[in-house]
Amino acid sequence: METAACGCPCIAFLSFSLSLGECTLLLKREVLTMIVGFVIDSLSAKRNDIAVPRGQEIGVNTTPTITSIDAVDTIGKKDAVRFVYSFECKYSPSIGEMIFEGNVLWRGEKGEDIASVVEKWDNEKKVDEHISLEIMNTILRRCLSKAITIADELRLPPPLQFPMVVPKKENDSEKPKKK
């Protein structure tokens, strides 16, 4: 298994670049191996018929929330945690909204105590930062990718900005000469 620069064995980094003429796009993807399942149980999406004046800025607020967690059996013993989530994507002004509900199945590293993760949630409604970052990033990545398609079908703006290819400025046409 590859390790990150920090030495963490749970993250492998894959990166590649894509060249399109003069435009280069660099993509970096983190592959997180402790997520063993992701499910969307329900999805609600609607467009409201509200007239928005041309030129008015439309805001999009996306909110992932962990609503509950519990230990689950995957191989005959409680060796994983199910994080039940809600993901809301709301527009301002209120031209539409999307709500996803589901769960993420997480299995800790060897020796990580599943019972202590669940107990901390039950007592404090908190999860250790290294776990919550992985869960929240998974929820964001998976739900936002679905929300983009749904927003398109509902004729809503995408919930995140896409990069734009723009013409070169005249000053940029002269490349510095290599010595």
N, C-alpha and C. Protein backbone atom coordinates (compact mmCIF):
# COMPACT_ATOMS: atom_id res chain seq x y z
N MET A 1 0.85 -1.18 0.00
CA MET A 1 0.00 0.00 0.00
C MET A 1 0.89 1.24 0.00
N GLU A 2 0.54 2.23 -0.84
CA GLU A 2 1.30 3.46 -0.88
C GLU A 2 1.01 4.28 0.37
N THR A 3 1.93 5.16 0.70
CA THR A 3 1.69 6.06 1.83
C THR A 3 1.78 7.49 1.36
N ALA A 4 1.12 8.36 2.09
CA ALA A 4 1.17 9.79 1.79
C ALA A 4 2.49 10.34 2.30
N ALA A 5 2.79 11.59 1.94
CA ALA A 5 4.02 12.23 2.39
C ALA A 5 4.12 12.26 3.91
N CYS A 6 2.98 12.31 4.58
CA CYS A 6 2.98 12.34 6.05
C CYS A 6 3.22 10.95 6.64
N GLY A 7 3.25 9.92 5.79
CA GLY A 7 3.49 8.56 6.27
C GLY A 7 2.22 7.81 6.60
N CYS A 8 1.06 8.41 6.40
CA CYS A 8 -0.21 7.77 6.71
C CYS A 8 -0.48 6.65 5.71
N PRO A 9 -0.68 5.41 6.17
CA PRO A 9 -0.87 4.31 5.24
C PRO A 9 -2.25 4.23 4.61
N CYS A 10 -3.19 5.05 5.06
CA CYS A 10 -4.56 4.92 4.56
C CYS A 10 -4.84 5.76 3.33
N ILE A 11 -3.88 6.55 2.87
CA ILE A 11 -4.14 7.43 1.74
C ILE A 11 -3.09 7.19 0.66
N ALA A 12 -3.54 6.94 -0.54
CA ALA A 12 -2.63 6.84 -1.68
C ALA A 12 -2.96 8.00 -2.61
N PHE A 13 -1.98 8.67 -3.14
CA PHE A 13 -2.22 9.82 -3.99
C PHE A 13 -2.01 9.43 -5.45
N LEU A 14 -2.98 9.75 -6.26
CA LEU A 14 -2.88 9.54 -7.70
C LEU A 14 -3.01 10.91 -8.34
N SER A 15 -2.15 11.23 -9.25
CA SER A 15 -2.31 12.51 -9.94
C SER A 15 -1.93 12.33 -11.40
N PHE A 16 -2.52 13.15 -12.24
CA PHE A 16 -2.18 13.14 -13.65
C PHE A 16 -2.54 14.50 -14.21
N SER A 17 -1.99 14.81 -15.36
CA SER A 17 -2.33 16.08 -15.99
C SER A 17 -2.90 15.80 -17.37
N LEU A 18 -3.77 16.67 -17.79
CA LEU A 18 -4.44 16.54 -19.07
C LEU A 18 -4.13 17.80 -19.85
N SER A 19 -3.55 17.66 -21.01
CA SER A 19 -3.20 18.83 -21.82
C SER A 19 -4.17 18.98 -22.98
N LEU A 20 -4.70 20.17 -23.11
CA LEU A 20 -5.58 20.49 -24.22
C LEU A 20 -5.00 21.72 -24.90
N GLY A 21 -4.15 21.51 -25.87
CA GLY A 21 -3.50 22.63 -26.53
C GLY A 21 -2.66 23.41 -25.54
N GLU A 22 -3.01 24.66 -25.34
CA GLU A 22 -2.28 25.52 -24.42
C GLU A 22 -2.82 25.44 -22.99
N CYS A 23 -3.89 24.70 -22.78
CA CYS A 23 -4.53 24.63 -21.47
C CYS A 23 -4.17 23.32 -20.79
N THR A 24 -3.61 23.38 -19.59
CA THR A 24 -3.26 22.17 -18.85
C THR A 24 -4.08 22.13 -17.58
N LEU A 25 -4.68 20.98 -17.31
CA LEU A 25 -5.50 20.78 -16.12
C LEU A 25 -4.83 19.71 -15.28
N LEU A 26 -4.49 20.01 -14.04
CA LEU A 26 -3.87 19.05 -13.15
C LEU A 26 -4.91 18.54 -12.18
N LEU A 27 -5.08 17.23 -12.13
CA LEU A 27 -6.05 16.62 -11.23
C LEU A 27 -5.30 15.83 -10.18
N LYS A 28 -5.74 15.94 -8.94
CA LYS A 28 -5.15 15.18 -7.85
C LYS A 28 -6.29 14.50 -7.12
N ARG A 29 -6.17 13.21 -6.90
CA ARG A 29 -7.24 12.47 -6.25
C ARG A 29 -6.69 11.69 -5.09
N GLU A 30 -7.36 11.78 -3.96
CA GLU A 30 -6.99 11.00 -2.81
C GLU A 30 -7.89 9.77 -2.76
N VAL A 31 -7.29 8.61 -2.66
CA VAL A 31 -8.05 7.38 -2.56
C VAL A 31 -8.04 6.97 -1.10
N LEU A 32 -9.19 7.02 -0.47
CA LEU A 32 -9.29 6.71 0.95
C LEU A 32 -9.81 5.29 1.10
N THR A 33 -9.02 4.44 1.73
CA THR A 33 -9.33 3.02 1.73
C THR A 33 -10.18 2.56 2.90
N MET A 34 -10.49 3.44 3.88
CA MET A 34 -11.26 2.99 5.03
C MET A 34 -12.77 3.08 4.80
N ILE A 35 -13.19 3.71 3.72
CA ILE A 35 -14.61 3.74 3.36
C ILE A 35 -14.89 2.45 2.60
N VAL A 36 -15.81 1.65 3.12
CA VAL A 36 -16.10 0.37 2.47
C VAL A 36 -17.51 0.33 1.87
N GLY A 37 -18.29 1.39 2.06
CA GLY A 37 -19.62 1.43 1.47
C GLY A 37 -20.20 2.83 1.50
N PHE A 38 -20.98 3.16 0.48
CA PHE A 38 -21.67 4.45 0.40
C PHE A 38 -23.03 4.20 -0.23
N VAL A 39 -24.09 4.65 0.44
CA VAL A 39 -25.45 4.41 -0.05
C VAL A 39 -26.25 5.70 0.05
N ILE A 40 -27.02 6.01 -0.98
CA ILE A 40 -28.02 7.07 -0.92
C ILE A 40 -29.36 6.36 -0.75
N ASP A 41 -29.99 6.55 0.41
CA ASP A 41 -31.27 5.91 0.70
C ASP A 41 -32.46 6.69 0.16
N SER A 42 -32.35 8.02 0.19
CA SER A 42 -33.45 8.84 -0.33
C SER A 42 -32.90 10.12 -0.92
N LEU A 43 -33.66 10.66 -1.85
CA LEU A 43 -33.27 11.88 -2.55
C LEU A 43 -34.52 12.68 -2.85
N SER A 44 -34.49 13.94 -2.47
CA SER A 44 -35.59 14.84 -2.76
C SER A 44 -35.00 16.05 -3.48
N ALA A 45 -35.57 16.42 -4.60
CA ALA A 45 -35.08 17.57 -5.36
C ALA A 45 -36.26 18.30 -5.97
N LYS A 46 -36.22 19.63 -5.88
CA LYS A 46 -37.30 20.40 -6.49
C LYS A 46 -36.80 21.76 -6.95
N ARG A 47 -37.50 22.27 -7.95
CA ARG A 47 -37.24 23.61 -8.47
C ARG A 47 -38.47 24.44 -8.14
N ASN A 48 -38.26 25.59 -7.55
CA ASN A 48 -39.35 26.51 -7.24
C ASN A 48 -39.48 27.52 -8.37
N ASP A 49 -40.71 27.89 -8.69
CA ASP A 49 -40.94 28.87 -9.75
C ASP A 49 -40.83 30.28 -9.20
N ILE A 50 -39.61 30.71 -8.97
CA ILE A 50 -39.33 32.06 -8.48
C ILE A 50 -38.53 32.77 -9.56
N ALA A 51 -39.02 33.94 -9.96
CA ALA A 51 -38.32 34.71 -10.99
C ALA A 51 -37.11 35.39 -10.35
N VAL A 52 -35.96 35.17 -10.95
CA VAL A 52 -34.72 35.80 -10.49
C VAL A 52 -34.31 36.82 -11.54
N PRO A 53 -34.18 38.09 -11.14
CA PRO A 53 -33.79 39.11 -12.12
C PRO A 53 -32.45 38.77 -12.78
N ARG A 54 -32.36 39.05 -14.07
CA ARG A 54 -31.13 38.78 -14.81
C ARG A 54 -29.97 39.51 -14.14
N GLY A 55 -28.88 38.81 -13.95
CA GLY A 55 -27.69 39.40 -13.34
C GLY A 55 -27.62 39.25 -11.83
N GLN A 56 -28.73 38.85 -11.20
CA GLN A 56 -28.69 38.66 -9.74
C GLN A 56 -27.86 37.42 -9.42
N GLU A 57 -27.03 37.54 -8.43
CA GLU A 57 -26.19 36.43 -8.03
C GLU A 57 -27.02 35.37 -7.32
N ILE A 58 -26.75 34.12 -7.65
CA ILE A 58 -27.45 32.99 -7.01
C ILE A 58 -26.44 32.25 -6.16
N GLY A 59 -26.74 32.13 -4.88
CA GLY A 59 -25.86 31.42 -3.97
C GLY A 59 -26.30 29.98 -3.79
N VAL A 60 -25.33 29.12 -3.52
CA VAL A 60 -25.61 27.71 -3.27
C VAL A 60 -24.92 27.33 -1.97
N ASN A 61 -25.69 26.78 -1.04
CA ASN A 61 -25.15 26.35 0.25
C ASN A 61 -25.28 24.84 0.34
N THR A 62 -24.15 24.14 0.47
CA THR A 62 -24.18 22.69 0.62
C THR A 62 -23.76 22.34 2.04
N THR A 63 -24.55 21.48 2.69
CA THR A 63 -24.31 21.14 4.08
C THR A 63 -24.39 19.63 4.30
N PRO A 64 -23.23 18.98 4.50
CA PRO A 64 -23.27 17.57 4.91
C PRO A 64 -23.37 17.49 6.43
N THR A 65 -24.20 16.59 6.94
CA THR A 65 -24.38 16.45 8.39
C THR A 65 -24.42 14.97 8.74
N ILE A 66 -23.67 14.59 9.77
CA ILE A 66 -23.77 13.23 10.31
C ILE A 66 -24.90 13.27 11.32
N THR A 67 -25.93 12.43 11.11
CA THR A 67 -27.09 12.46 12.00
C THR A 67 -27.04 11.38 13.07
N SER A 68 -26.41 10.25 12.77
CA SER A 68 -26.25 9.20 13.78
C SER A 68 -25.18 8.21 13.32
N ILE A 69 -24.68 7.44 14.25
CA ILE A 69 -23.75 6.38 13.90
C ILE A 69 -24.04 5.15 14.76
N ASP A 70 -23.67 3.98 14.24
CA ASP A 70 -23.79 2.74 15.00
C ASP A 70 -22.81 1.71 14.46
N ALA A 71 -22.47 0.73 15.28
CA ALA A 71 -21.58 -0.35 14.87
C ALA A 71 -22.38 -1.37 14.08
N VAL A 72 -21.76 -1.94 13.05
CA VAL A 72 -22.43 -2.95 12.22
C VAL A 72 -21.51 -4.14 11.99
N ASP A 73 -22.14 -5.27 11.70
CA ASP A 73 -21.41 -6.51 11.38
C ASP A 73 -21.16 -6.55 9.88
N THR A 74 -19.92 -6.86 9.50
CA THR A 74 -19.66 -7.11 8.08
C THR A 74 -19.11 -8.51 7.86
N ILE A 75 -18.39 -9.03 8.84
CA ILE A 75 -17.85 -10.40 8.71
C ILE A 75 -18.13 -11.20 9.97
N GLY A 76 -19.33 -11.03 10.52
CA GLY A 76 -19.73 -11.79 11.69
C GLY A 76 -19.37 -11.16 13.02
N LYS A 77 -18.75 -9.99 12.99
CA LYS A 77 -18.47 -9.26 14.23
C LYS A 77 -18.62 -7.77 13.94
N LYS A 78 -18.82 -7.00 14.97
CA LYS A 78 -18.98 -5.55 14.80
C LYS A 78 -17.61 -4.96 14.47
N ASP A 79 -17.34 -4.84 13.17
CA ASP A 79 -16.03 -4.38 12.72
C ASP A 79 -16.10 -3.14 11.84
N ALA A 80 -17.27 -2.48 11.79
CA ALA A 80 -17.43 -1.28 10.97
C ALA A 80 -18.42 -0.34 11.65
N VAL A 81 -18.37 0.91 11.23
CA VAL A 81 -19.29 1.93 11.74
C VAL A 81 -20.12 2.46 10.57
N ARG A 82 -21.44 2.52 10.79
CA ARG A 82 -22.34 3.12 9.80
C ARG A 82 -22.61 4.55 10.22
N PHE A 83 -22.24 5.49 9.36
CA PHE A 83 -22.50 6.91 9.58
C PHE A 83 -23.72 7.28 8.75
N VAL A 84 -24.82 7.61 9.41
CA VAL A 84 -26.03 8.04 8.72
C VAL A 84 -25.88 9.54 8.48
N TYR A 85 -26.13 9.97 7.24
CA TYR A 85 -25.91 11.37 6.90
C TYR A 85 -27.12 11.99 6.23
N SER A 86 -27.09 13.33 6.23
CA SER A 86 -28.02 14.14 5.45
C SER A 86 -27.16 15.15 4.70
N PHE A 87 -27.45 15.36 3.44
CA PHE A 87 -26.72 16.33 2.63
C PHE A 87 -27.73 17.25 1.98
N GLU A 88 -27.66 18.53 2.31
CA GLU A 88 -28.60 19.51 1.76
C GLU A 88 -27.88 20.46 0.83
N CYS A 89 -28.53 20.75 -0.26
CA CYS A 89 -28.02 21.71 -1.24
C CYS A 89 -29.16 22.71 -1.46
N LYS A 90 -28.99 23.92 -0.90
CA LYS A 90 -30.05 24.93 -0.97
C LYS A 90 -29.56 26.16 -1.73
N TYR A 91 -30.47 26.73 -2.51
CA TYR A 91 -30.16 27.90 -3.32
C TYR A 91 -30.71 29.16 -2.66
N SER A 92 -30.00 30.26 -2.89
CA SER A 92 -30.44 31.55 -2.38
C SER A 92 -30.35 32.57 -3.51
N PRO A 93 -31.44 33.18 -3.95
CA PRO A 93 -32.81 33.05 -3.46
C PRO A 93 -33.32 31.62 -3.65
N SER A 94 -34.42 31.33 -3.01
CA SER A 94 -34.93 29.97 -2.89
C SER A 94 -35.53 29.44 -4.20
N ILE A 95 -34.64 29.20 -5.19
CA ILE A 95 -35.12 28.71 -6.49
C ILE A 95 -35.18 27.19 -6.54
N GLY A 96 -34.61 26.53 -5.54
CA GLY A 96 -34.65 25.08 -5.51
C GLY A 96 -33.84 24.51 -4.36
N GLU A 97 -33.96 23.20 -4.20
CA GLU A 97 -33.18 22.52 -3.17
C GLU A 97 -33.09 21.03 -3.49
N MET A 98 -32.05 20.40 -2.92
CA MET A 98 -31.87 18.95 -3.03
C MET A 98 -31.49 18.44 -1.64
N ILE A 99 -32.07 17.33 -1.26
CA ILE A 99 -31.74 16.71 0.03
C ILE A 99 -31.46 15.23 -0.21
N PHE A 100 -30.27 14.80 0.16
CA PHE A 100 -29.86 13.40 0.07
C PHE A 100 -29.80 12.85 1.49
N GLU A 101 -30.21 11.61 1.68
CA GLU A 101 -30.04 10.92 2.95
C GLU A 101 -29.51 9.54 2.66
N GLY A 102 -28.61 9.06 3.51
CA GLY A 102 -28.03 7.75 3.29
C GLY A 102 -27.06 7.39 4.38
N ASN A 103 -26.12 6.51 4.05
CA ASN A 103 -25.13 6.12 5.05
C ASN A 103 -23.80 5.78 4.39
N VAL A 104 -22.75 5.94 5.19
CA VAL A 104 -21.39 5.62 4.79
C VAL A 104 -20.91 4.54 5.74
N LEU A 105 -20.36 3.48 5.19
CA LEU A 105 -19.82 2.40 6.00
C LEU A 105 -18.30 2.56 6.06
N TRP A 106 -17.78 2.66 7.29
CA TRP A 106 -16.36 2.92 7.53
C TRP A 106 -15.77 1.81 8.38
N ARG A 107 -14.63 1.32 7.97
CA ARG A 107 -13.92 0.31 8.75
C ARG A 107 -12.57 0.91 9.11
N GLY A 108 -12.26 0.94 10.40
CA GLY A 108 -11.00 1.52 10.86
C GLY A 108 -9.80 0.66 10.52
N GLU A 109 -8.64 1.23 10.79
CA GLU A 109 -7.40 0.48 10.60
C GLU A 109 -7.32 -0.64 11.63
N LYS A 110 -6.41 -1.57 11.40
CA LYS A 110 -6.22 -2.65 12.37
C LYS A 110 -5.95 -2.05 13.74
N GLY A 111 -6.61 -2.58 14.73
CA GLY A 111 -6.40 -2.11 16.10
C GLY A 111 -7.26 -0.92 16.49
N GLU A 112 -7.94 -0.30 15.53
CA GLU A 112 -8.79 0.85 15.85
C GLU A 112 -10.08 0.31 16.48
N ASP A 113 -10.44 0.87 17.60
CA ASP A 113 -11.57 0.37 18.38
C ASP A 113 -12.87 0.96 17.89
N ILE A 114 -13.68 0.15 17.23
CA ILE A 114 -14.97 0.58 16.69
C ILE A 114 -15.90 1.01 17.83
N ALA A 115 -15.88 0.26 18.92
CA ALA A 115 -16.77 0.56 20.05
C ALA A 115 -16.47 1.95 20.63
N SER A 116 -15.20 2.35 20.66
CA SER A 116 -14.87 3.67 21.23
C SER A 116 -15.35 4.80 20.33
N VAL A 117 -15.36 4.58 19.00
CA VAL A 117 -15.88 5.59 18.06
C VAL A 117 -17.36 5.80 18.31
N VAL A 118 -18.11 4.69 18.44
CA VAL A 118 -19.55 4.76 18.67
C VAL A 118 -19.84 5.35 20.05
N GLU A 119 -19.07 4.97 21.05
CA GLU A 119 -19.27 5.47 22.42
C GLU A 119 -19.04 6.98 22.49
N LYS A 120 -18.00 7.46 21.80
CA LYS A 120 -17.74 8.91 21.80
C LYS A 120 -18.90 9.66 21.16
N TRP A 121 -19.47 9.09 20.09
CA TRP A 121 -20.63 9.71 19.46
C TRP A 121 -21.82 9.73 20.41
N ASP A 122 -22.08 8.59 21.05
CA ASP A 122 -23.22 8.50 21.96
C ASP A 122 -23.11 9.48 23.12
N ASN A 123 -21.91 9.70 23.63
CA ASN A 123 -21.71 10.58 24.79
C ASN A 123 -21.57 12.05 24.42
N GLU A 124 -20.84 12.35 23.33
CA GLU A 124 -20.50 13.73 23.00
C GLU A 124 -21.03 14.23 21.67
N LYS A 125 -21.59 13.33 20.86
CA LYS A 125 -22.01 13.66 19.49
C LYS A 125 -20.82 14.20 18.68
N LYS A 126 -19.63 13.61 18.90
CA LYS A 126 -18.42 14.00 18.19
C LYS A 126 -17.73 12.75 17.66
N VAL A 127 -16.95 12.97 16.59
CA VAL A 127 -16.15 11.91 15.98
C VAL A 127 -14.74 12.47 15.85
N ASP A 128 -13.73 11.62 16.04
CA ASP A 128 -12.35 12.08 15.88
C ASP A 128 -12.17 12.74 14.52
N GLU A 129 -11.33 13.78 14.49
CA GLU A 129 -11.18 14.58 13.29
C GLU A 129 -10.73 13.77 12.07
N HIS A 130 -9.77 12.87 12.23
CA HIS A 130 -9.29 12.11 11.07
C HIS A 130 -10.38 11.24 10.46
N ILE A 131 -11.33 10.81 11.28
CA ILE A 131 -12.45 10.01 10.78
C ILE A 131 -13.50 10.93 10.14
N SER A 132 -13.86 12.00 10.83
CA SER A 132 -14.91 12.88 10.31
C SER A 132 -14.50 13.54 9.00
N LEU A 133 -13.23 13.89 8.85
CA LEU A 133 -12.77 14.47 7.58
C LEU A 133 -12.97 13.49 6.43
N GLU A 134 -12.63 12.25 6.66
CA GLU A 134 -12.79 11.24 5.61
C GLU A 134 -14.27 11.03 5.28
N ILE A 135 -15.11 10.97 6.29
CA ILE A 135 -16.54 10.76 6.07
C ILE A 135 -17.16 11.96 5.35
N MET A 136 -16.89 13.16 5.84
CA MET A 136 -17.48 14.37 5.24
C MET A 136 -17.00 14.57 3.80
N ASN A 137 -15.72 14.34 3.54
CA ASN A 137 -15.22 14.49 2.17
C ASN A 137 -15.85 13.47 1.23
N THR A 138 -16.08 12.27 1.71
CA THR A 138 -16.75 11.25 0.89
C THR A 138 -18.18 11.68 0.59
N ILE A 139 -18.90 12.16 1.61
CA ILE A 139 -20.28 12.62 1.41
C ILE A 139 -20.30 13.77 0.40
N LEU A 140 -19.43 14.75 0.58
CA LEU A 140 -19.38 15.89 -0.33
C LEU A 140 -19.10 15.45 -1.77
N ARG A 141 -18.07 14.64 -1.94
CA ARG A 141 -17.67 14.21 -3.28
C ARG A 141 -18.78 13.42 -3.98
N ARG A 142 -19.35 12.46 -3.29
CA ARG A 142 -20.35 11.59 -3.91
C ARG A 142 -21.67 12.32 -4.15
N CYS A 143 -22.13 13.10 -3.17
CA CYS A 143 -23.42 13.80 -3.33
C CYS A 143 -23.31 14.96 -4.31
N LEU A 144 -22.21 15.71 -4.28
CA LEU A 144 -22.07 16.81 -5.23
C LEU A 144 -22.02 16.31 -6.66
N SER A 145 -21.38 15.18 -6.90
CA SER A 145 -21.33 14.66 -8.27
C SER A 145 -22.74 14.30 -8.76
N LYS A 146 -23.58 13.77 -7.88
CA LYS A 146 -24.98 13.48 -8.26
C LYS A 146 -25.79 14.78 -8.39
N ALA A 147 -25.53 15.73 -7.49
CA ALA A 147 -26.28 16.99 -7.48
C ALA A 147 -26.05 17.80 -8.76
N ILE A 148 -24.88 17.68 -9.36
CA ILE A 148 -24.60 18.39 -10.62
C ILE A 148 -25.55 17.92 -11.70
N THR A 149 -25.72 16.61 -11.83
CA THR A 149 -26.62 16.05 -12.84
C THR A 149 -28.07 16.41 -12.55
N ILE A 150 -28.47 16.32 -11.29
CA ILE A 150 -29.85 16.63 -10.93
C ILE A 150 -30.15 18.11 -11.17
N ALA A 151 -29.21 18.99 -10.81
CA ALA A 151 -29.39 20.42 -11.04
C ALA A 151 -29.59 20.69 -12.53
N ASP A 152 -28.84 20.02 -13.36
CA ASP A 152 -28.98 20.19 -14.81
C ASP A 152 -30.37 19.77 -15.27
N GLU A 153 -30.86 18.65 -14.76
CA GLU A 153 -32.20 18.16 -15.13
C GLU A 153 -33.29 19.12 -14.67
N LEU A 154 -33.10 19.77 -13.52
CA LEU A 154 -34.10 20.71 -12.99
C LEU A 154 -33.90 22.14 -13.49
N ARG A 155 -32.91 22.33 -14.36
CA ARG A 155 -32.58 23.66 -14.88
C ARG A 155 -32.18 24.62 -13.76
N LEU A 156 -31.38 24.12 -12.83
CA LEU A 156 -30.81 24.92 -11.75
C LEU A 156 -29.32 25.09 -12.01
N PRO A 157 -28.71 26.14 -11.48
CA PRO A 157 -27.26 26.27 -11.63
C PRO A 157 -26.55 25.10 -10.92
N PRO A 158 -25.40 24.67 -11.42
CA PRO A 158 -24.69 23.59 -10.74
C PRO A 158 -24.28 24.03 -9.34
N PRO A 159 -24.21 23.10 -8.39
CA PRO A 159 -23.90 23.47 -7.01
C PRO A 159 -22.43 23.83 -6.77
N LEU A 160 -21.60 23.72 -7.79
CA LEU A 160 -20.23 24.20 -7.67
C LEU A 160 -19.79 24.77 -8.99
N GLN A 161 -18.80 25.65 -8.94
CA GLN A 161 -18.34 26.33 -10.15
C GLN A 161 -17.40 25.44 -10.94
N PHE A 162 -17.60 25.38 -12.22
CA PHE A 162 -16.70 24.65 -13.09
C PHE A 162 -15.60 25.58 -13.57
N PRO A 163 -14.40 25.04 -13.82
CA PRO A 163 -13.35 25.88 -14.39
C PRO A 163 -13.74 26.32 -15.80
N MET A 164 -13.31 27.49 -16.17
CA MET A 164 -13.63 28.04 -17.48
C MET A 164 -12.35 28.22 -18.28
N VAL A 165 -12.42 27.92 -19.56
CA VAL A 165 -11.32 28.19 -20.46
C VAL A 165 -11.55 29.59 -20.99
N VAL A 166 -10.54 30.44 -20.86
CA VAL A 166 -10.66 31.83 -21.30
C VAL A 166 -9.56 32.11 -22.32
N PRO A 167 -9.79 33.09 -23.20
CA PRO A 167 -8.76 33.41 -24.19
C PRO A 167 -7.53 33.98 -23.50
N LYS A 168 -6.39 33.80 -24.16
CA LYS A 168 -5.14 34.34 -23.63
C LYS A 168 -5.18 35.86 -23.70
N LYS A 169 -4.54 36.48 -22.74
CA LYS A 169 -4.36 37.92 -22.79
C LYS A 169 -3.21 38.20 -23.75
N GLU A 170 -3.20 39.37 -24.34
CA GLU A 170 -2.14 39.70 -25.30
C GLU A 170 -0.77 39.66 -24.64
N ASN A 171 -0.68 40.02 -23.37
CA ASN A 171 0.60 40.03 -22.65
C ASN A 171 1.11 38.60 -22.46
N ASP A 172 0.23 37.63 -22.39
CA ASP A 172 0.62 36.25 -22.14
C ASP A 172 1.09 35.54 -23.40
N SER A 173 0.92 36.18 -24.58
CA SER A 173 1.29 35.50 -25.82
C SER A 173 2.79 35.34 -25.97
N GLU A 174 3.54 36.22 -25.34
CA GLU A 174 5.00 36.09 -25.41
C GLU A 174 5.46 35.23 -24.25
N LYS A 175 6.00 34.10 -24.60
CA LYS A 175 6.51 33.20 -23.57
C LYS A 175 7.95 33.59 -23.24
N PRO A 176 8.31 33.48 -21.97
CA PRO A 176 9.72 33.81 -21.65
C PRO A 176 10.66 32.81 -22.33
N LYS A 177 11.77 33.31 -22.81
CA LYS A 177 12.73 32.45 -23.49
C LYS A 177 13.56 31.71 -22.45
N LYS A 178 13.79 30.43 -22.74
CA LYS A 178 14.62 29.63 -21.84
C LYS A 178 16.08 29.90 -22.15
N LYS A 179 16.86 29.97 -21.10
CA LYS A 179 18.30 30.22 -21.28
C LYS A 179 19.08 28.94 -21.31
